[in-house]
Amino acid sequence: MWMPSNDEIKHITQYALMNFWGVRSNGVLDGKTMDGFANVLMDVLLKNGVHETEIIFGRSAKLPGYFRMSKDWDMIVLKNLQDGTRRLLAVIEFKSMHGSVGNNLNNRSEEAVGSSYDLWKAFEHGAFGASRPFLGYIYVMTDHPANKKGTERRGNMLFRPLDEYTKFPRTQQPANYEERAELFMMKMVQEQLYDKCALIIADTKKLGDYRTPNEELSIELLIRSLVGHIIAHQTS
């Protein structure tokens, strides 16, 4: 087993972020901004005994759903068994938002919650066999001043929001967009919709640098958890 150190994970995350910025600067996005993260995760998996043919990207990364026939995921990890069957080891989603996130954060939340719930219902109904896969979510948000502003505005909300949105636990102030993203991802892990989520705030001036608002949502924790799951289920 190769378990990367914190320094190694920081280095590969910086590499992935440089790819993120490079794709953006070239102006050809087309879902490619997070390819650097897919590539570094693939490298980690290959070093832990996963065969290249067992790591699926793009349109081929399609799994059956419960409320819909199928869903395209960003990355799927399989184990090809000797009897000719497959074991689903892991499913990873990569998402990013540049600039002020605004209402787009709500769209991301709805998408992530719906996709994970659909996957687990399909799993309950036998779509992927008996072994529970690892489900991970990596979200890159660029550092933007508008994302650090909190507001108590409720618009036409008919009932008051939950307290954590009006008094964010660390500040006791209205949650800004970064903090709402943190709450959204923490809740997805707490509700077991995702096994691990990583929230990365990318520096817009020193490209490649980043910060992690909550250590429970660190890329280090996600990668180590993924490696542990893969190793445990490759041989069982």
Protein backbone atom coordinates (compact mmCIF):
# COMPACT_ATOMS: atom_id res chain seq x y z
CA MET A 1 0.00 0.00 0.00
CA TRP A 2 1.22 3.50 -0.81
CA MET A 3 -0.33 6.08 1.50
CA PRO A 4 0.82 9.55 0.39
CA SER A 5 2.06 11.95 3.07
CA ASN A 6 0.49 15.35 3.69
CA ASP A 7 3.35 17.01 1.80
CA GLU A 8 2.87 14.65 -1.15
CA ILE A 9 -0.87 15.32 -1.23
CA LYS A 10 -0.24 19.07 -1.05
CA HIS A 11 2.17 18.79 -3.98
CA ILE A 12 -0.23 16.82 -6.20
CA THR A 13 -3.10 19.16 -5.26
CA GLN A 14 -1.02 22.15 -6.34
CA TYR A 15 -0.28 20.34 -9.60
CA ALA A 16 -4.01 19.73 -10.15
CA LEU A 17 -4.76 23.39 -9.44
CA MET A 18 -2.12 24.54 -11.91
CA ASN A 19 -3.92 22.41 -14.50
CA PHE A 20 -7.21 24.00 -13.40
CA TRP A 21 -5.84 27.49 -14.03
CA GLY A 22 -4.09 26.45 -17.24
CA VAL A 23 -7.30 25.12 -18.76
CA ARG A 24 -9.16 28.28 -17.77
CA SER A 25 -6.50 30.53 -19.30
CA ASN A 26 -6.70 28.63 -22.58
CA GLY A 27 -10.43 29.32 -22.72
CA VAL A 28 -11.40 25.74 -23.61
CA LEU A 29 -13.30 24.57 -20.53
CA ASP A 30 -15.68 21.83 -21.74
CA GLY A 31 -15.57 20.12 -18.36
CA LYS A 32 -11.77 19.85 -18.46
CA THR A 33 -10.92 22.18 -15.56
CA MET A 34 -10.85 19.31 -13.06
CA ASP A 35 -8.90 16.85 -15.20
CA GLY A 36 -5.79 17.53 -13.12
CA PHE A 37 -7.53 16.13 -10.04
CA ALA A 38 -8.69 13.07 -11.98
CA ASN A 39 -5.12 12.50 -13.16
CA VAL A 40 -3.50 12.76 -9.73
CA LEU A 41 -6.11 10.44 -8.19
CA MET A 42 -5.47 7.98 -11.00
CA ASP A 43 -1.75 8.10 -10.22
CA VAL A 44 -2.43 7.39 -6.53
CA LEU A 45 -4.70 4.46 -7.44
CA LEU A 46 -2.20 2.97 -9.88
CA LYS A 47 0.43 3.02 -7.13
CA ASN A 48 -1.98 1.04 -4.98
CA GLY A 49 -2.50 -1.84 -7.37
CA VAL A 50 -5.49 -0.64 -9.39
CA HIS A 51 -5.09 -1.47 -13.08
CA GLU A 52 -5.46 1.35 -15.58
CA THR A 53 -8.39 -0.44 -17.23
CA GLU A 54 -10.23 -0.40 -13.90
CA ILE A 55 -10.32 3.42 -13.74
CA ILE A 56 -13.10 4.85 -15.91
CA PHE A 57 -13.62 8.49 -16.96
CA GLY A 58 -15.93 10.48 -19.18
CA ARG A 59 -18.93 9.06 -21.02
CA SER A 60 -17.92 5.51 -20.14
CA ALA A 61 -18.26 6.30 -16.41
CA LYS A 62 -21.95 5.46 -16.42
CA LEU A 63 -23.79 3.68 -13.61
CA PRO A 64 -27.40 2.56 -13.24
CA GLY A 65 -29.65 4.74 -11.10
CA TYR A 66 -32.84 4.20 -9.14
CA PHE A 67 -34.97 7.23 -10.03
CA ARG A 68 -33.42 7.33 -13.51
CA MET A 69 -31.98 4.63 -15.70
CA SER A 70 -28.39 5.86 -15.53
CA LYS A 71 -26.08 8.65 -14.42
CA ASP A 72 -22.72 9.75 -15.83
CA TRP A 73 -20.14 10.17 -13.08
CA ASP A 74 -16.72 11.81 -13.33
CA MET A 75 -14.60 8.88 -12.17
CA ILE A 76 -15.38 5.25 -11.40
CA VAL A 77 -13.00 2.65 -9.94
CA LEU A 78 -13.72 -1.05 -10.50
CA LYS A 79 -12.19 -4.37 -9.53
CA ASN A 80 -12.27 -7.00 -12.28
CA LEU A 81 -12.76 -10.34 -10.54
CA GLN A 82 -11.50 -13.73 -11.70
CA ASP A 83 -15.00 -15.03 -12.34
CA GLY A 84 -15.53 -12.32 -14.95
CA THR A 85 -17.72 -10.07 -12.77
CA ARG A 86 -16.91 -6.57 -11.53
CA ARG A 87 -16.88 -4.96 -8.13
CA LEU A 88 -17.63 -1.23 -7.85
CA LEU A 89 -14.92 0.19 -5.57
CA ALA A 90 -15.32 3.96 -5.78
CA VAL A 91 -17.19 6.80 -7.43
CA ILE A 92 -15.80 10.36 -7.44
CA GLU A 93 -17.34 13.65 -8.54
CA PHE A 94 -15.21 16.70 -9.40
CA LYS A 95 -16.85 20.13 -9.38
CA SER A 96 -15.57 23.70 -9.53
CA MET A 97 -16.87 27.25 -9.56
CA HIS A 98 -14.93 30.35 -10.49
CA GLY A 99 -15.70 33.84 -9.20
CA SER A 100 -18.82 34.70 -7.23
CA VAL A 101 -20.90 31.57 -6.75
CA GLY A 102 -24.23 33.25 -5.92
CA ASN A 103 -27.27 31.08 -6.55
CA ASN A 104 -25.13 28.53 -8.39
CA LEU A 105 -24.24 27.06 -5.01
CA ASN A 106 -27.88 26.06 -4.57
CA ASN A 107 -27.79 24.30 -7.93
CA ARG A 108 -24.62 22.44 -6.96
CA SER A 109 -26.21 21.38 -3.67
CA GLU A 110 -29.35 20.05 -5.32
CA GLU A 111 -27.32 18.17 -7.92
CA ALA A 112 -24.95 16.57 -5.40
CA VAL A 113 -27.65 15.53 -2.95
CA GLY A 114 -29.90 14.14 -5.68
CA SER A 115 -27.11 12.19 -7.39
CA SER A 116 -25.85 10.59 -4.19
CA TYR A 117 -29.32 9.65 -2.97
CA ASP A 118 -30.09 8.09 -6.34
CA LEU A 119 -26.86 6.07 -6.23
CA TRP A 120 -27.48 4.71 -2.73
CA LYS A 121 -31.06 3.75 -3.56
CA ALA A 122 -29.76 1.88 -6.61
CA PHE A 123 -27.21 0.18 -4.36
CA GLU A 124 -29.94 -0.84 -1.91
CA HIS A 125 -31.78 -2.48 -4.79
CA GLY A 126 -28.78 -4.54 -5.84
CA ALA A 127 -27.45 -2.49 -8.75
CA PHE A 128 -23.78 -2.84 -7.76
CA GLY A 129 -23.60 -6.03 -5.73
CA ALA A 130 -23.08 -6.42 -2.00
CA SER A 131 -19.96 -4.27 -1.43
CA ARG A 132 -20.63 -0.64 -0.64
CA PRO A 133 -18.51 1.66 -2.85
CA PHE A 134 -16.64 4.75 -1.66
CA LEU A 135 -18.40 7.92 -2.79
CA GLY A 136 -16.31 11.10 -2.83
CA TYR A 137 -16.85 14.73 -3.83
CA ILE A 138 -14.12 17.27 -4.62
CA TYR A 139 -15.19 20.90 -4.95
CA VAL A 140 -12.86 23.73 -5.95
CA MET A 141 -14.09 27.25 -5.24
CA THR A 142 -11.89 30.15 -6.27
CA ASP A 143 -11.09 32.81 -3.68
CA HIS A 144 -13.41 35.74 -4.45
CA PRO A 145 -14.39 38.70 -2.23
CA ALA A 146 -18.10 38.23 -2.93
CA ASN A 147 -17.96 34.71 -1.50
CA LYS A 148 -16.86 36.05 1.89
CA LYS A 149 -19.86 38.28 2.45
CA GLY A 150 -22.65 37.03 4.67
CA THR A 151 -26.19 38.31 4.62
CA GLU A 152 -29.31 37.93 6.71
CA ARG A 153 -31.54 38.66 3.73
CA ARG A 154 -34.18 35.99 3.42
CA GLY A 155 -35.91 37.26 0.30
CA ASN A 156 -39.42 35.84 0.20
CA MET A 157 -38.59 32.90 2.51
CA LEU A 158 -41.75 31.99 4.41
CA PHE A 159 -39.95 30.54 7.45
CA ARG A 160 -36.65 31.44 9.07
CA PRO A 161 -33.59 29.46 7.97
CA LEU A 162 -31.81 27.04 10.25
CA ASP A 163 -29.58 28.67 12.87
CA GLU A 164 -26.29 27.53 11.31
CA TYR A 165 -27.03 29.73 8.29
CA THR A 166 -27.84 32.86 10.28
CA LYS A 167 -25.17 32.21 12.94
CA PHE A 168 -22.33 30.24 11.43
CA PRO A 169 -20.74 28.20 14.28
CA ARG A 170 -17.19 29.65 14.03
CA THR A 171 -18.22 33.30 13.71
CA GLN A 172 -21.78 33.56 15.03
CA GLN A 173 -22.38 35.76 11.96
CA PRO A 174 -24.55 35.06 8.88
CA ALA A 175 -22.85 32.39 6.78
CA ASN A 176 -21.15 33.68 3.64
CA TYR A 177 -20.98 31.62 0.45
CA GLU A 178 -17.75 29.86 1.41
CA GLU A 179 -19.29 28.90 4.74
CA ARG A 180 -22.52 27.77 3.09
CA ALA A 181 -20.45 25.51 0.84
CA GLU A 182 -18.74 24.15 3.95
CA LEU A 183 -22.09 23.49 5.64
CA PHE A 184 -23.45 21.81 2.53
CA MET A 185 -20.48 19.45 2.28
CA MET A 186 -20.26 18.71 6.00
CA LYS A 187 -23.94 17.80 6.04
CA MET A 188 -23.54 15.48 3.05
CA VAL A 189 -20.84 13.57 4.95
CA GLN A 190 -22.78 13.59 8.24
CA GLU A 191 -25.88 12.27 6.47
CA GLN A 192 -23.72 9.59 4.79
CA LEU A 193 -24.60 10.77 1.31
CA TYR A 194 -20.86 10.96 0.58
CA ASP A 195 -18.11 9.14 2.43
CA LYS A 196 -15.75 12.11 2.14
CA CYS A 197 -15.92 15.58 0.63
CA ALA A 198 -13.05 17.98 -0.03
CA LEU A 199 -13.53 21.75 -0.16
CA ILE A 200 -10.60 23.57 -1.75
CA ILE A 201 -10.42 27.38 -1.89
CA ALA A 202 -8.03 28.18 -4.74
CA ASP A 203 -5.84 31.28 -4.50
CA THR A 204 -6.42 33.53 -7.51
CA LYS A 205 -3.12 35.41 -7.17
CA LYS A 206 -0.59 32.73 -6.27
CA LEU A 207 -1.80 30.05 -8.63
CA GLY A 208 -1.51 26.54 -7.23
CA ASP A 209 -1.87 27.66 -3.63
CA TYR A 210 -5.06 26.88 -1.76
CA ARG A 211 -6.60 26.76 1.68
CA THR A 212 -8.88 24.34 3.48
CA PRO A 213 -11.57 26.04 5.61
CA ASN A 214 -12.36 22.87 7.58
CA GLU A 215 -9.93 20.00 8.17
CA GLU A 216 -12.85 17.56 8.03
CA LEU A 217 -13.16 18.58 4.39
CA SER A 218 -9.49 18.34 3.48
CA ILE A 219 -8.21 16.76 0.29
CA GLU A 220 -5.73 14.84 2.47
CA LEU A 221 -8.53 13.14 4.39
CA LEU A 222 -10.42 12.28 1.21
CA ILE A 223 -7.41 10.74 -0.54
CA ARG A 224 -6.34 8.72 2.50
CA SER A 225 -9.88 7.44 3.03
CA LEU A 226 -10.13 6.51 -0.64
CA VAL A 227 -6.81 4.61 -0.54
CA GLY A 228 -7.85 2.75 2.62
CA HIS A 229 -11.16 1.74 1.06
CA ILE A 230 -9.54 0.59 -2.18
CA ILE A 231 -6.95 -1.53 -0.38
CA ALA A 232 -9.55 -3.12 1.91
CA HIS A 233 -11.89 -4.06 -0.92
CA GLN A 234 -9.37 -5.11 -3.55
CA THR A 235 -8.48 -8.26 -1.64
CA SER A 236 -11.65 -9.03 0.31
